[in-house]
Amino acid sequence: MKLHIFLEQNFCSLCERCEEVFHQSIWVKLETMAKAAKIYKILWCSNGRYAKELIQPLTNGLNSLLRNKEYYKKFNPVPQFRDPKTGEVMWYGTENYSHLYCLVYYYLEACKKYPSAIIRIEII
């Protein structure tokens, strides 16, 4: 399952749709790392909030992820298999610390760019 984060704005009452200005997703397997970084609620439970409300919590989470990189890497999902050609460990969904860090970074940038956008969260 994946966590999908959307920022939407400019609701059209005629077609009942919004303009999607941001969309990113990660495997939910990274939720343990997000909880350790105290950004789980911001990522998983912000449905219906304004982007501007998330700027400070995302900034704090990003700073924590950056300052404590080795600590958070301990929460990388358990390897599933080794690539038979390279011997490289392949992670569940191929996502790990760097994916969560990048998600938070780009999510924060989008919130700064579109502060009046509404957050929509889907877990599919």
PDB file of N, CA and C in Angstrom:
ATOM      1  N   MET A   1       0.833  -1.179   0.000  1.00  0.00           N
ATOM      2  CA  MET A   1       0.000   0.000   0.000  1.00  0.00           C
ATOM      3  C   MET A   1       0.881   1.247   0.000  1.00  0.00           C
ATOM      4  N   LYS A   2       0.354   2.284  -0.598  1.00  0.00           N
ATOM      5  CA  LYS A   2       1.105   3.537  -0.692  1.00  0.00           C
ATOM      6  C   LYS A   2       0.305   4.682  -0.096  1.00  0.00           C
ATOM      7  N   LEU A   3       1.041   5.598   0.498  1.00  0.00           N
ATOM      8  CA  LEU A   3       0.485   6.848   0.986  1.00  0.00           C
ATOM      9  C   LEU A   3       0.627   7.858  -0.150  1.00  0.00           C
ATOM     10  N   HIS A   4      -0.478   8.456  -0.567  1.00  0.00           N
ATOM     11  CA  HIS A   4      -0.470   9.480  -1.616  1.00  0.00           C
ATOM     12  C   HIS A   4      -0.830  10.815  -0.981  1.00  0.00           C
ATOM     13  N   ILE A   5      -0.025  11.819  -1.251  1.00  0.00           N
ATOM     14  CA  ILE A   5      -0.251  13.163  -0.729  1.00  0.00           C
ATOM     15  C   ILE A   5      -0.484  14.093  -1.908  1.00  0.00           C
ATOM     16  N   PHE A   6      -1.593  14.810  -1.856  1.00  0.00           N
ATOM     17  CA  PHE A   6      -1.959  15.756  -2.914  1.00  0.00           C
ATOM     18  C   PHE A   6      -2.128  17.146  -2.313  1.00  0.00           C
ATOM     19  N   LEU A   7      -1.750  18.172  -3.056  1.00  0.00           N
ATOM     20  CA  LEU A   7      -2.117  19.546  -2.764  1.00  0.00           C
ATOM     21  C   LEU A   7      -3.015  19.986  -3.901  1.00  0.00           C
ATOM     22  N   GLU A   8      -4.180  20.524  -3.529  1.00  0.00           N
ATOM     23  CA  GLU A   8      -5.163  20.931  -4.534  1.00  0.00           C
ATOM     24  C   GLU A   8      -5.628  22.354  -4.247  1.00  0.00           C
ATOM     25  N   GLN A   9      -5.964  23.061  -5.320  1.00  0.00           N
ATOM     26  CA  GLN A   9      -6.470  24.429  -5.180  1.00  0.00           C
ATOM     27  C   GLN A   9      -7.408  24.750  -6.328  1.00  0.00           C
ATOM     28  N   ASN A  10      -8.006  25.926  -6.264  1.00  0.00           N
ATOM     29  CA  ASN A  10      -8.905  26.421  -7.312  1.00  0.00           C
ATOM     30  C   ASN A  10     -10.074  25.474  -7.580  1.00  0.00           C
ATOM     31  N   PHE A  11     -10.867  25.250  -6.545  1.00  0.00           N
ATOM     32  CA  PHE A  11     -12.034  24.378  -6.698  1.00  0.00           C
ATOM     33  C   PHE A  11     -12.995  24.965  -7.724  1.00  0.00           C
ATOM     34  N   CYS A  12     -13.447  24.132  -8.650  1.00  0.00           N
ATOM     35  CA  CYS A  12     -14.411  24.529  -9.673  1.00  0.00           C
ATOM     36  C   CYS A  12     -15.777  23.969  -9.272  1.00  0.00           C
ATOM     37  N   SER A  13     -16.720  24.845  -8.979  1.00  0.00           N
ATOM     38  CA  SER A  13     -18.050  24.384  -8.549  1.00  0.00           C
ATOM     39  C   SER A  13     -18.835  23.761  -9.708  1.00  0.00           C
ATOM     40  N   LEU A  14     -18.483  24.113 -10.920  1.00  0.00           N
ATOM     41  CA  LEU A  14     -19.158  23.554 -12.088  1.00  0.00           C
ATOM     42  C   LEU A  14     -18.817  22.071 -12.270  1.00  0.00           C
ATOM     43  N   CYS A  15     -17.540  21.751 -12.258  1.00  0.00           N
ATOM     44  CA  CYS A  15     -17.135  20.347 -12.458  1.00  0.00           C
ATOM     45  C   CYS A  15     -16.829  19.633 -11.144  1.00  0.00           C
ATOM     46  N   GLU A  16     -16.867  20.371 -10.037  1.00  0.00           N
ATOM     47  CA  GLU A  16     -16.602  19.833  -8.703  1.00  0.00           C
ATOM     48  C   GLU A  16     -15.241  19.150  -8.606  1.00  0.00           C
ATOM     49  N   ARG A  17     -14.240  19.803  -9.175  1.00  0.00           N
ATOM     50  CA  ARG A  17     -12.874  19.295  -9.136  1.00  0.00           C
ATOM     51  C   ARG A  17     -11.930  20.428  -8.766  1.00  0.00           C
ATOM     52  N   CYS A  18     -10.733  20.048  -8.361  1.00  0.00           N
ATOM     53  CA  CYS A  18      -9.688  21.009  -8.022  1.00  0.00           C
ATOM     54  C   CYS A  18      -8.490  20.807  -8.945  1.00  0.00           C
ATOM     55  N   GLU A  19      -7.668  21.831  -8.995  1.00  0.00           N
ATOM     56  CA  GLU A  19      -6.408  21.720  -9.730  1.00  0.00           C
ATOM     57  C   GLU A  19      -5.386  21.062  -8.803  1.00  0.00           C
ATOM     58  N   GLU A  20      -4.784  19.979  -9.265  1.00  0.00           N
ATOM     59  CA  GLU A  20      -3.756  19.294  -8.484  1.00  0.00           C
ATOM     60  C   GLU A  20      -2.420  19.972  -8.750  1.00  0.00           C
ATOM     61  N   VAL A  21      -1.789  20.531  -7.689  1.00  0.00           N
ATOM     62  CA  VAL A  21      -0.523  21.238  -7.861  1.00  0.00           C
ATOM     63  C   VAL A  21       0.668  20.450  -7.317  1.00  0.00           C
ATOM     64  N   PHE A  22       0.392  19.336  -6.626  1.00  0.00           N
ATOM     65  CA  PHE A  22       1.461  18.500  -6.085  1.00  0.00           C
ATOM     66  C   PHE A  22       0.909  17.108  -5.824  1.00  0.00           C
ATOM     67  N   HIS A  23       1.725  16.097  -6.109  1.00  0.00           N
ATOM     68  CA  HIS A  23       1.374  14.715  -5.787  1.00  0.00           C
ATOM     69  C   HIS A  23       2.656  13.920  -5.612  1.00  0.00           C
ATOM     70  N   GLN A  24       2.790  13.290  -4.464  1.00  0.00           N
ATOM     71  CA  GLN A  24       3.911  12.398  -4.187  1.00  0.00           C
ATOM     72  C   GLN A  24       3.368  11.193  -3.444  1.00  0.00           C
ATOM     73  N   SER A  25       4.100  10.097  -3.479  1.00  0.00           N
ATOM     74  CA  SER A  25       3.680   8.916  -2.743  1.00  0.00           C
ATOM     75  C   SER A  25       4.893   8.145  -2.240  1.00  0.00           C
ATOM     76  N   ILE A  26       4.669   7.408  -1.152  1.00  0.00           N
ATOM     77  CA  ILE A  26       5.685   6.508  -0.611  1.00  0.00           C
ATOM     78  C   ILE A  26       4.970   5.264  -0.108  1.00  0.00           C
ATOM     79  N   TRP A  27       5.724   4.181   0.036  1.00  0.00           N
ATOM     80  CA  TRP A  27       5.163   2.959   0.599  1.00  0.00           C
ATOM     81  C   TRP A  27       4.889   3.177   2.074  1.00  0.00           C
ATOM     82  N   VAL A  28       3.774   2.659   2.559  1.00  0.00           N
ATOM     83  CA  VAL A  28       3.435   2.834   3.966  1.00  0.00           C
ATOM     84  C   VAL A  28       4.410   2.121   4.888  1.00  0.00           C
ATOM     85  N   LYS A  29       5.263   1.287   4.335  1.00  0.00           N
ATOM     86  CA  LYS A  29       6.282   0.590   5.124  1.00  0.00           C
ATOM     87  C   LYS A  29       7.217   1.587   5.825  1.00  0.00           C
ATOM     88  N   LEU A  30       7.244   2.836   5.379  1.00  0.00           N
ATOM     89  CA  LEU A  30       8.098   3.851   5.995  1.00  0.00           C
ATOM     90  C   LEU A  30       7.433   4.561   7.169  1.00  0.00           C
ATOM     91  N   GLU A  31       6.243   4.103   7.567  1.00  0.00           N
ATOM     92  CA  GLU A  31       5.537   4.791   8.640  1.00  0.00           C
ATOM     93  C   GLU A  31       6.274   4.696   9.975  1.00  0.00           C
ATOM     94  N   THR A  32       6.997   3.610  10.220  1.00  0.00           N
ATOM     95  CA  THR A  32       7.753   3.488  11.473  1.00  0.00           C
ATOM     96  C   THR A  32       8.819   4.571  11.556  1.00  0.00           C
ATOM     97  N   MET A  33       9.493   4.827  10.452  1.00  0.00           N
ATOM     98  CA  MET A  33      10.497   5.884  10.408  1.00  0.00           C
ATOM     99  C   MET A  33       9.837   7.251  10.588  1.00  0.00           C
ATOM    100  N   ALA A  34       8.694   7.451   9.961  1.00  0.00           N
ATOM    101  CA  ALA A  34       7.978   8.722  10.090  1.00  0.00           C
ATOM    102  C   ALA A  34       7.533   8.954  11.534  1.00  0.00           C
ATOM    103  N   LYS A  35       7.096   7.899  12.205  1.00  0.00           N
ATOM    104  CA  LYS A  35       6.705   8.032  13.621  1.00  0.00           C
ATOM    105  C   LYS A  35       7.911   8.401  14.474  1.00  0.00           C
ATOM    106  N   ALA A  36       9.054   7.773  14.218  1.00  0.00           N
ATOM    107  CA  ALA A  36      10.271   8.083  14.967  1.00  0.00           C
ATOM    108  C   ALA A  36      10.678   9.542  14.760  1.00  0.00           C
ATOM    109  N   ALA A  37      10.449  10.067  13.572  1.00  0.00           N
ATOM    110  CA  ALA A  37      10.793  11.455  13.254  1.00  0.00           C
ATOM    111  C   ALA A  37       9.699  12.441  13.658  1.00  0.00           C
ATOM    112  N   LYS A  38       8.630  11.921  14.258  1.00  0.00           N
ATOM    113  CA  LYS A  38       7.493  12.733  14.719  1.00  0.00           C
ATOM    114  C   LYS A  38       6.821  13.505  13.580  1.00  0.00           C
ATOM    115  N   ILE A  39       6.775  12.871  12.398  1.00  0.00           N
ATOM    116  CA  ILE A  39       6.082  13.493  11.265  1.00  0.00           C
ATOM    117  C   ILE A  39       4.971  12.591  10.725  1.00  0.00           C
ATOM    118  N   TYR A  40       4.694  11.507  11.432  1.00  0.00           N
ATOM    119  CA  TYR A  40       3.659  10.582  10.978  1.00  0.00           C
ATOM    120  C   TYR A  40       2.311  11.292  10.817  1.00  0.00           C
ATOM    121  N   LYS A  41       1.860  11.998  11.843  1.00  0.00           N
ATOM    122  CA  LYS A  41       0.548  12.662  11.770  1.00  0.00           C
ATOM    123  C   LYS A  41       0.503  13.711  10.665  1.00  0.00           C
ATOM    124  N   ILE A  42       1.610  14.397  10.459  1.00  0.00           N
ATOM    125  CA  ILE A  42       1.661  15.406   9.393  1.00  0.00           C
ATOM    126  C   ILE A  42       1.519  14.744   8.025  1.00  0.00           C
ATOM    127  N   LEU A  43       2.162  13.600   7.841  1.00  0.00           N
ATOM    128  CA  LEU A  43       2.112  12.935   6.538  1.00  0.00           C
ATOM    129  C   LEU A  43       0.826  12.133   6.344  1.00  0.00           C
ATOM    130  N   TRP A  44       0.406  11.391   7.351  1.00  0.00           N
ATOM    131  CA  TRP A  44      -0.718  10.470   7.190  1.00  0.00           C
ATOM    132  C   TRP A  44      -2.081  11.077   7.553  1.00  0.00           C
ATOM    133  N   CYS A  45      -2.104  12.132   8.373  1.00  0.00           N
ATOM    134  CA  CYS A  45      -3.377  12.587   8.952  1.00  0.00           C
ATOM    135  C   CYS A  45      -3.665  14.065   8.725  1.00  0.00           C
ATOM    136  N   SER A  46      -3.258  14.624   7.614  1.00  0.00           N
ATOM    137  CA  SER A  46      -3.451  16.062   7.362  1.00  0.00           C
ATOM    138  C   SER A  46      -4.553  16.350   6.353  1.00  0.00           C
ATOM    139  N   ASN A  47      -5.371  15.380   6.086  1.00  0.00           N
ATOM    140  CA  ASN A  47      -6.437  15.542   5.088  1.00  0.00           C
ATOM    141  C   ASN A  47      -7.317  16.749   5.433  1.00  0.00           C
ATOM    142  N   GLY A  48      -7.523  17.634   4.450  1.00  0.00           N
ATOM    143  CA  GLY A  48      -8.394  18.782   4.630  1.00  0.00           C
ATOM    144  C   GLY A  48      -7.736  20.017   5.219  1.00  0.00           C
ATOM    145  N   ARG A  49      -6.485  19.919   5.618  1.00  0.00           N
ATOM    146  CA  ARG A  49      -5.788  21.078   6.182  1.00  0.00           C
ATOM    147  C   ARG A  49      -5.203  21.942   5.069  1.00  0.00           C
ATOM    148  N   TYR A  50      -4.901  23.185   5.415  1.00  0.00           N
ATOM    149  CA  TYR A  50      -4.233  24.080   4.477  1.00  0.00           C
ATOM    150  C   TYR A  50      -2.731  23.812   4.495  1.00  0.00           C
ATOM    151  N   ALA A  51      -2.110  23.948   3.341  1.00  0.00           N
ATOM    152  CA  ALA A  51      -0.672  23.700   3.215  1.00  0.00           C
ATOM    153  C   ALA A  51       0.130  24.588   4.161  1.00  0.00           C
ATOM    154  N   LYS A  52      -0.296  25.830   4.342  1.00  0.00           N
ATOM    155  CA  LYS A  52       0.446  26.751   5.208  1.00  0.00           C
ATOM    156  C   LYS A  52       0.530  26.255   6.649  1.00  0.00           C
ATOM    157  N   GLU A  53      -0.427  25.432   7.066  1.00  0.00           N
ATOM    158  CA  GLU A  53      -0.414  24.881   8.423  1.00  0.00           C
ATOM    159  C   GLU A  53       0.682  23.841   8.617  1.00  0.00           C
ATOM    160  N   LEU A  54       1.201  23.300   7.533  1.00  0.00           N
ATOM    161  CA  LEU A  54       2.183  22.219   7.623  1.00  0.00           C
ATOM    162  C   LEU A  54       3.617  22.688   7.453  1.00  0.00           C
ATOM    163  N   ILE A  55       3.812  23.954   7.111  1.00  0.00           N
ATOM    164  CA  ILE A  55       5.166  24.442   6.831  1.00  0.00           C
ATOM    165  C   ILE A  55       6.098  24.265   8.022  1.00  0.00           C
ATOM    166  N   GLN A  56       5.686  24.710   9.199  1.00  0.00           N
ATOM    167  CA  GLN A  56       6.571  24.594  10.368  1.00  0.00           C
ATOM    168  C   GLN A  56       6.786  23.146  10.804  1.00  0.00           C
ATOM    169  N   PRO A  57       5.722  22.326  10.909  1.00  0.00           N
ATOM    170  CA  PRO A  57       5.970  20.926  11.291  1.00  0.00           C
ATOM    171  C   PRO A  57       6.832  20.165  10.275  1.00  0.00           C
ATOM    172  N   LEU A  58       6.643  20.422   8.987  1.00  0.00           N
ATOM    173  CA  LEU A  58       7.475  19.764   7.975  1.00  0.00           C
ATOM    174  C   LEU A  58       8.924  20.245   8.055  1.00  0.00           C
ATOM    175  N   THR A  59       9.114  21.529   8.336  1.00  0.00           N
ATOM    176  CA  THR A  59      10.465  22.079   8.506  1.00  0.00           C
ATOM    177  C   THR A  59      11.157  21.394   9.683  1.00  0.00           C
ATOM    178  N   ASN A  60      10.433  21.265  10.795  1.00  0.00           N
ATOM    179  CA  ASN A  60      11.001  20.594  11.972  1.00  0.00           C
ATOM    180  C   ASN A  60      11.348  19.141  11.656  1.00  0.00           C
ATOM    181  N   GLY A  61      10.448  18.448  10.969  1.00  0.00           N
ATOM    182  CA  GLY A  61      10.691  17.058  10.618  1.00  0.00           C
ATOM    183  C   GLY A  61      11.867  16.900   9.673  1.00  0.00           C
ATOM    184  N   LEU A  62      11.958  17.773   8.687  1.00  0.00           N
ATOM    185  CA  LEU A  62      13.068  17.723   7.734  1.00  0.00           C
ATOM    186  C   LEU A  62      14.400  17.957   8.445  1.00  0.00           C
ATOM    187  N   ASN A  63      14.422  18.935   9.346  1.00  0.00           N
ATOM    188  CA  ASN A  63      15.649  19.210  10.097  1.00  0.00           C
ATOM    189  C   ASN A  63      16.054  18.012  10.950  1.00  0.00           C
ATOM    190  N   SER A  64      15.085  17.375  11.565  1.00  0.00           N
ATOM    191  CA  SER A  64      15.370  16.192  12.381  1.00  0.00           C
ATOM    192  C   SER A  64      15.918  15.056  11.520  1.00  0.00           C
ATOM    193  N   LEU A  65      15.291  14.835  10.367  1.00  0.00           N
ATOM    194  CA  LEU A  65      15.772  13.784   9.456  1.00  0.00           C
ATOM    195  C   LEU A  65      17.206  14.065   9.010  1.00  0.00           C
ATOM    196  N   LEU A  66      17.514  15.322   8.772  1.00  0.00           N
ATOM    197  CA  LEU A  66      18.850  15.697   8.313  1.00  0.00           C
ATOM    198  C   LEU A  66      19.892  15.568   9.420  1.00  0.00           C
ATOM    199  N   ARG A  67      19.551  16.016  10.626  1.00  0.00           N
ATOM    200  CA  ARG A  67      20.500  15.987  11.748  1.00  0.00           C
ATOM    201  C   ARG A  67      20.777  14.574  12.258  1.00  0.00           C
ATOM    202  N   ASN A  68      19.804  13.674  12.114  1.00  0.00           N
ATOM    203  CA  ASN A  68      19.916  12.337  12.701  1.00  0.00           C
ATOM    204  C   ASN A  68      19.828  11.227  11.658  1.00  0.00           C
ATOM    205  N   LYS A  69      20.476  11.442  10.552  1.00  0.00           N
ATOM    206  CA  LYS A  69      20.384  10.527   9.406  1.00  0.00           C
ATOM    207  C   LYS A  69      20.672   9.071   9.779  1.00  0.00           C
ATOM    208  N   GLU A  70      21.755   8.828  10.476  1.00  0.00           N
ATOM    209  CA  GLU A  70      22.130   7.444  10.812  1.00  0.00           C
ATOM    210  C   GLU A  70      21.105   6.804  11.743  1.00  0.00           C
ATOM    211  N   TYR A  71      20.548   7.578  12.652  1.00  0.00           N
ATOM    212  CA  TYR A  71      19.510   7.057  13.547  1.00  0.00           C
ATOM    213  C   TYR A  71      18.294   6.605  12.746  1.00  0.00           C
ATOM    214  N   TYR A  72      17.833   7.450  11.842  1.00  0.00           N
ATOM    215  CA  TYR A  72      16.624   7.125  11.075  1.00  0.00           C
ATOM    216  C   TYR A  72      16.853   5.992  10.077  1.00  0.00           C
ATOM    217  N   LYS A  73      18.082   5.838   9.622  1.00  0.00           N
ATOM    218  CA  LYS A  73      18.369   4.730   8.706  1.00  0.00           C
ATOM    219  C   LYS A  73      18.141   3.375   9.375  1.00  0.00           C
ATOM    220  N   LYS A  74      18.178   3.338  10.711  1.00  0.00           N
ATOM    221  CA  LYS A  74      17.906   2.103  11.441  1.00  0.00           C
ATOM    222  C   LYS A  74      16.466   1.631  11.212  1.00  0.00           C
ATOM    223  N   PHE A  75      15.608   2.549  10.785  1.00  0.00           N
ATOM    224  CA  PHE A  75      14.208   2.225  10.540  1.00  0.00           C
ATOM    225  C   PHE A  75      13.923   1.861   9.086  1.00  0.00           C
ATOM    226  N   ASN A  76      14.978   1.746   8.280  1.00  0.00           N
ATOM    227  CA  ASN A  76      14.772   1.307   6.893  1.00  0.00           C
ATOM    228  C   ASN A  76      14.040  -0.025   6.908  1.00  0.00           C
ATOM    229  N   PRO A  77      13.119  -0.228   5.976  1.00  0.00           N
ATOM    230  CA  PRO A  77      12.412  -1.511   5.911  1.00  0.00           C
ATOM    231  C   PRO A  77      13.386  -2.678   5.752  1.00  0.00           C
ATOM    232  N   VAL A  78      12.969  -3.811   6.242  1.00  0.00           N
ATOM    233  CA  VAL A  78      13.800  -5.014   6.177  1.00  0.00           C
ATOM    234  C   VAL A  78      14.024  -5.403   4.716  1.00  0.00           C
ATOM    235  N   PRO A  79      15.279  -5.693   4.351  1.00  0.00           N
ATOM    236  CA  PRO A  79      15.548  -6.094   2.968  1.00  0.00           C
ATOM    237  C   PRO A  79      14.732  -7.323   2.574  1.00  0.00           C
ATOM    238  N   GLN A  80      14.301  -7.342   1.348  1.00  0.00           N
ATOM    239  CA  GLN A  80      13.505  -8.453   0.866  1.00  0.00           C
ATOM    240  C   GLN A  80      14.344  -9.490   0.117  1.00  0.00           C
ATOM    241  N   PHE A  81      15.317  -9.026  -0.654  1.00  0.00           N
ATOM    242  CA  PHE A  81      16.131  -9.950  -1.445  1.00  0.00           C
ATOM    243  C   PHE A  81      17.390  -9.239  -1.920  1.00  0.00           C
ATOM    244  N   ARG A  82      18.304 -10.005  -2.447  1.00  0.00           N
ATOM    245  CA  ARG A  82      19.505  -9.439  -3.066  1.00  0.00           C
ATOM    246  C   ARG A  82      19.394  -9.597  -4.570  1.00  0.00           C
ATOM    247  N   ASP A  83      19.803  -8.574  -5.281  1.00  0.00           N
ATOM    248  CA  ASP A  83      19.828  -8.627  -6.730  1.00  0.00           C
ATOM    249  C   ASP A  83      20.852  -9.685  -7.132  1.00  0.00           C
ATOM    250  N   PRO A  84      20.430 -10.691  -7.920  1.00  0.00           N
ATOM    251  CA  PRO A  84      21.352 -11.777  -8.264  1.00  0.00           C
ATOM    252  C   PRO A  84      22.560 -11.330  -9.093  1.00  0.00           C
ATOM    253  N   LYS A  85      22.429 -10.255  -9.842  1.00  0.00           N
ATOM    254  CA  LYS A  85      23.540  -9.789 -10.680  1.00  0.00           C
ATOM    255  C   LYS A  85      24.531  -8.936  -9.907  1.00  0.00           C
ATOM    256  N   THR A  86      24.009  -8.006  -9.085  1.00  0.00           N
ATOM    257  CA  THR A  86      24.882  -7.058  -8.400  1.00  0.00           C
ATOM    258  C   THR A  86      25.121  -7.411  -6.939  1.00  0.00           C
ATOM    259  N   GLY A  87      24.240  -8.235  -6.348  1.00  0.00           N
ATOM    260  CA  GLY A  87      24.334  -8.548  -4.928  1.00  0.00           C
ATOM    261  C   GLY A  87      23.784  -7.434  -4.054  1.00  0.00           C
ATOM    262  N   GLU A  88      23.276  -6.363  -4.689  1.00  0.00           N
ATOM    263  CA  GLU A  88      22.736  -5.226  -3.957  1.00  0.00           C
ATOM    264  C   GLU A  88      21.453  -5.629  -3.230  1.00  0.00           C
ATOM    265  N   VAL A  89      21.322  -5.157  -1.982  1.00  0.00           N
ATOM    266  CA  VAL A  89      20.117  -5.423  -1.213  1.00  0.00           C
ATOM    267  C   VAL A  89      18.993  -4.557  -1.759  1.00  0.00           C
ATOM    268  N   MET A  90      17.869  -5.175  -2.085  1.00  0.00           N
ATOM    269  CA  MET A  90      16.700  -4.445  -2.584  1.00  0.00           C
ATOM    270  C   MET A  90      15.717  -4.296  -1.437  1.00  0.00           C
ATOM    271  N   TRP A  91      15.317  -3.068  -1.138  1.00  0.00           N
ATOM    272  CA  TRP A  91      14.415  -2.794  -0.032  1.00  0.00           C
ATOM    273  C   TRP A  91      12.975  -3.004  -0.444  1.00  0.00           C
ATOM    274  N   TYR A  92      12.130  -3.233   0.532  1.00  0.00           N
ATOM    275  CA  TYR A  92      10.700  -3.355   0.291  1.00  0.00           C
ATOM    276  C   TYR A  92      10.243  -2.124  -0.467  1.00  0.00           C
ATOM    277  N   GLY A  93       9.682  -2.320  -1.635  1.00  0.00           N
ATOM    278  CA  GLY A  93       9.223  -1.180  -2.422  1.00  0.00           C
ATOM    279  C   GLY A  93      10.371  -0.296  -2.892  1.00  0.00           C
ATOM    280  N   THR A  94      11.589  -0.742  -2.708  1.00  0.00           N
ATOM    281  CA  THR A  94      12.821  -0.017  -3.022  1.00  0.00           C
ATOM    282  C   THR A  94      12.897   1.352  -2.343  1.00  0.00           C
ATOM    283  N   GLU A  95      12.142   1.555  -1.267  1.00  0.00           N
ATOM    284  CA  GLU A  95      12.156   2.850  -0.595  1.00  0.00           C
ATOM    285  C   GLU A  95      12.802   2.733   0.774  1.00  0.00           C
ATOM    286  N   ASN A  96      13.502   3.799   1.175  1.00  0.00           N
ATOM    287  CA  ASN A  96      14.211   3.824   2.441  1.00  0.00           C
ATOM    288  C   ASN A  96      14.301   5.260   2.955  1.00  0.00           C
ATOM    289  N   TYR A  97      15.258   5.523   3.839  1.00  0.00           N
ATOM    290  CA  TYR A  97      15.424   6.839   4.446  1.00  0.00           C
ATOM    291  C   TYR A  97      15.428   7.966   3.409  1.00  0.00           C
ATOM    292  N   SER A  98      16.205   7.793   2.356  1.00  0.00           N
ATOM    293  CA  SER A  98      16.341   8.879   1.378  1.00  0.00           C
ATOM    294  C   SER A  98      15.011   9.199   0.698  1.00  0.00           C
ATOM    295  N   HIS A  99      14.155   8.213   0.545  1.00  0.00           N
ATOM    296  CA  HIS A  99      12.844   8.464  -0.059  1.00  0.00           C
ATOM    297  C   HIS A  99      11.957   9.285   0.874  1.00  0.00           C
ATOM    298  N   LEU A 100      11.980   8.954   2.164  1.00  0.00           N
ATOM    299  CA  LEU A 100      11.185   9.740   3.115  1.00  0.00           C
ATOM    300  C   LEU A 100      11.724  11.163   3.193  1.00  0.00           C
ATOM    301  N   TYR A 101      13.036  11.297   3.250  1.00  0.00           N
ATOM    302  CA  TYR A 101      13.645  12.625   3.301  1.00  0.00           C
ATOM    303  C   TYR A 101      13.229  13.455   2.080  1.00  0.00           C
ATOM    304  N   CYS A 102      13.333  12.869   0.897  1.00  0.00           N
ATOM    305  CA  CYS A 102      12.966  13.591  -0.334  1.00  0.00           C
ATOM    306  C   CYS A 102      11.485  13.938  -0.361  1.00  0.00           C
ATOM    307  N   LEU A 103      10.639  13.015   0.093  1.00  0.00           N
ATOM    308  CA  LEU A 103       9.208  13.309   0.145  1.00  0.00           C
ATOM    309  C   LEU A 103       8.953  14.525   1.016  1.00  0.00           C
ATOM    310  N   VAL A 104       9.527  14.547   2.218  1.00  0.00           N
ATOM    311  CA  VAL A 104       9.316  15.671   3.134  1.00  0.00           C
ATOM    312  C   VAL A 104       9.862  16.958   2.532  1.00  0.00           C
ATOM    313  N   TYR A 105      11.024  16.893   1.907  1.00  0.00           N
ATOM    314  CA  TYR A 105      11.620  18.078   1.293  1.00  0.00           C
ATOM    315  C   TYR A 105      10.698  18.666   0.218  1.00  0.00           C
ATOM    316  N   TYR A 106      10.260  17.837  -0.718  1.00  0.00           N
ATOM    317  CA  TYR A 106       9.428  18.339  -1.818  1.00  0.00           C
ATOM    318  C   TYR A 106       8.024  18.722  -1.348  1.00  0.00           C
ATOM    319  N   TYR A 107       7.509  18.026  -0.359  1.00  0.00           N
ATOM    320  CA  TYR A 107       6.207  18.369   0.227  1.00  0.00           C
ATOM    321  C   TYR A 107       6.300  19.746   0.870  1.00  0.00           C
ATOM    322  N   LEU A 108       7.357  19.994   1.614  1.00  0.00           N
ATOM    323  CA  LEU A 108       7.567  21.300   2.244  1.00  0.00           C
ATOM    324  C   LEU A 108       7.671  22.401   1.191  1.00  0.00           C
ATOM    325  N   GLU A 109       8.444  22.167   0.146  1.00  0.00           N
ATOM    326  CA  GLU A 109       8.581  23.164  -0.917  1.00  0.00           C
ATOM    327  C   GLU A 109       7.226  23.468  -1.571  1.00  0.00           C
ATOM    328  N   ALA A 110       6.418  22.436  -1.786  1.00  0.00           N
ATOM    329  CA  ALA A 110       5.096  22.634  -2.381  1.00  0.00           C
ATOM    330  C   ALA A 110       4.190  23.426  -1.439  1.00  0.00           C
ATOM    331  N   CYS A 111       4.271  23.144  -0.143  1.00  0.00           N
ATOM    332  CA  CYS A 111       3.462  23.887   0.830  1.00  0.00           C
ATOM    333  C   CYS A 111       3.847  25.361   0.862  1.00  0.00           C
ATOM    334  N   LYS A 112       5.126  25.638   0.717  1.00  0.00           N
ATOM    335  CA  LYS A 112       5.586  27.031   0.672  1.00  0.00           C
ATOM    336  C   LYS A 112       5.108  27.725  -0.609  1.00  0.00           C
ATOM    337  N   LYS A 113       5.139  26.998  -1.712  1.00  0.00           N
ATOM    338  CA  LYS A 113       4.747  27.569  -3.002  1.00  0.00           C
ATOM    339  C   LYS A 113       3.233  27.765  -3.107  1.00  0.00           C
ATOM    340  N   TYR A 114       2.469  26.843  -2.497  1.00  0.00           N
ATOM    341  CA  TYR A 114       1.000  26.883  -2.572  1.00  0.00           C
ATOM    342  C   TYR A 114       0.402  26.859  -1.168  1.00  0.00           C
ATOM    343  N   PRO A 115       0.620  27.910  -0.364  1.00  0.00           N
ATOM    344  CA  PRO A 115       0.168  27.886   1.034  1.00  0.00           C
ATOM    345  C   PRO A 115      -1.348  27.789   1.217  1.00  0.00           C
ATOM    346  N   SER A 116      -2.112  28.212   0.227  1.00  0.00           N
ATOM    347  CA  SER A 116      -3.573  28.136   0.352  1.00  0.00           C
ATOM    348  C   SER A 116      -4.159  26.844  -0.207  1.00  0.00           C
ATOM    349  N   ALA A 117      -3.296  25.953  -0.680  1.00  0.00           N
ATOM    350  CA  ALA A 117      -3.770  24.667  -1.207  1.00  0.00           C
ATOM    351  C   ALA A 117      -4.307  23.805  -0.065  1.00  0.00           C
ATOM    352  N   ILE A 118      -5.220  22.930  -0.409  1.00  0.00           N
ATOM    353  CA  ILE A 118      -5.814  21.991   0.552  1.00  0.00           C
ATOM    354  C   ILE A 118      -5.124  20.643   0.387  1.00  0.00           C
ATOM    355  N   ILE A 119      -4.853  19.991   1.506  1.00  0.00           N
ATOM    356  CA  ILE A 119      -4.207  18.681   1.494  1.00  0.00           C
ATOM    357  C   ILE A 119      -5.254  17.582   1.326  1.00  0.00           C
ATOM    358  N   ARG A 120      -4.935  16.623   0.459  1.00  0.00           N
ATOM    359  CA  ARG A 120      -5.767  15.422   0.326  1.00  0.00           C
ATOM    360  C   ARG A 120      -4.842  14.225   0.477  1.00  0.00           C
ATOM    361  N   ILE A 121      -5.215  13.317   1.362  1.00  0.00           N
ATOM    362  CA  ILE A 121      -4.422  12.126   1.646  1.00  0.00           C
ATOM    363  C   ILE A 121      -5.211  10.894   1.206  1.00  0.00           C
ATOM    364  N   GLU A 122      -4.540   9.982   0.522  1.00  0.00           N
ATOM    365  CA  GLU A 122      -5.138   8.690   0.157  1.00  0.00           C
ATOM    366  C   GLU A 122      -4.138   7.593   0.466  1.00  0.00           C
ATOM    367  N   ILE A 123      -4.643   6.486   0.970  1.00  0.00           N
ATOM    368  CA  ILE A 123      -3.800   5.313   1.165  1.00  0.00           C
ATOM    369  C   ILE A 123      -4.381   4.220   0.291  1.00  0.00           C
ATOM    370  N   ILE A 124      -3.629   3.870  -0.726  1.00  0.00           N
ATOM    371  CA  ILE A 124      -4.106   2.904  -1.724  1.00  0.00           C
ATOM    372  C   ILE A 124      -3.101   1.758  -1.815  1.00  0.00           C
TER     373      ILE A 124
END
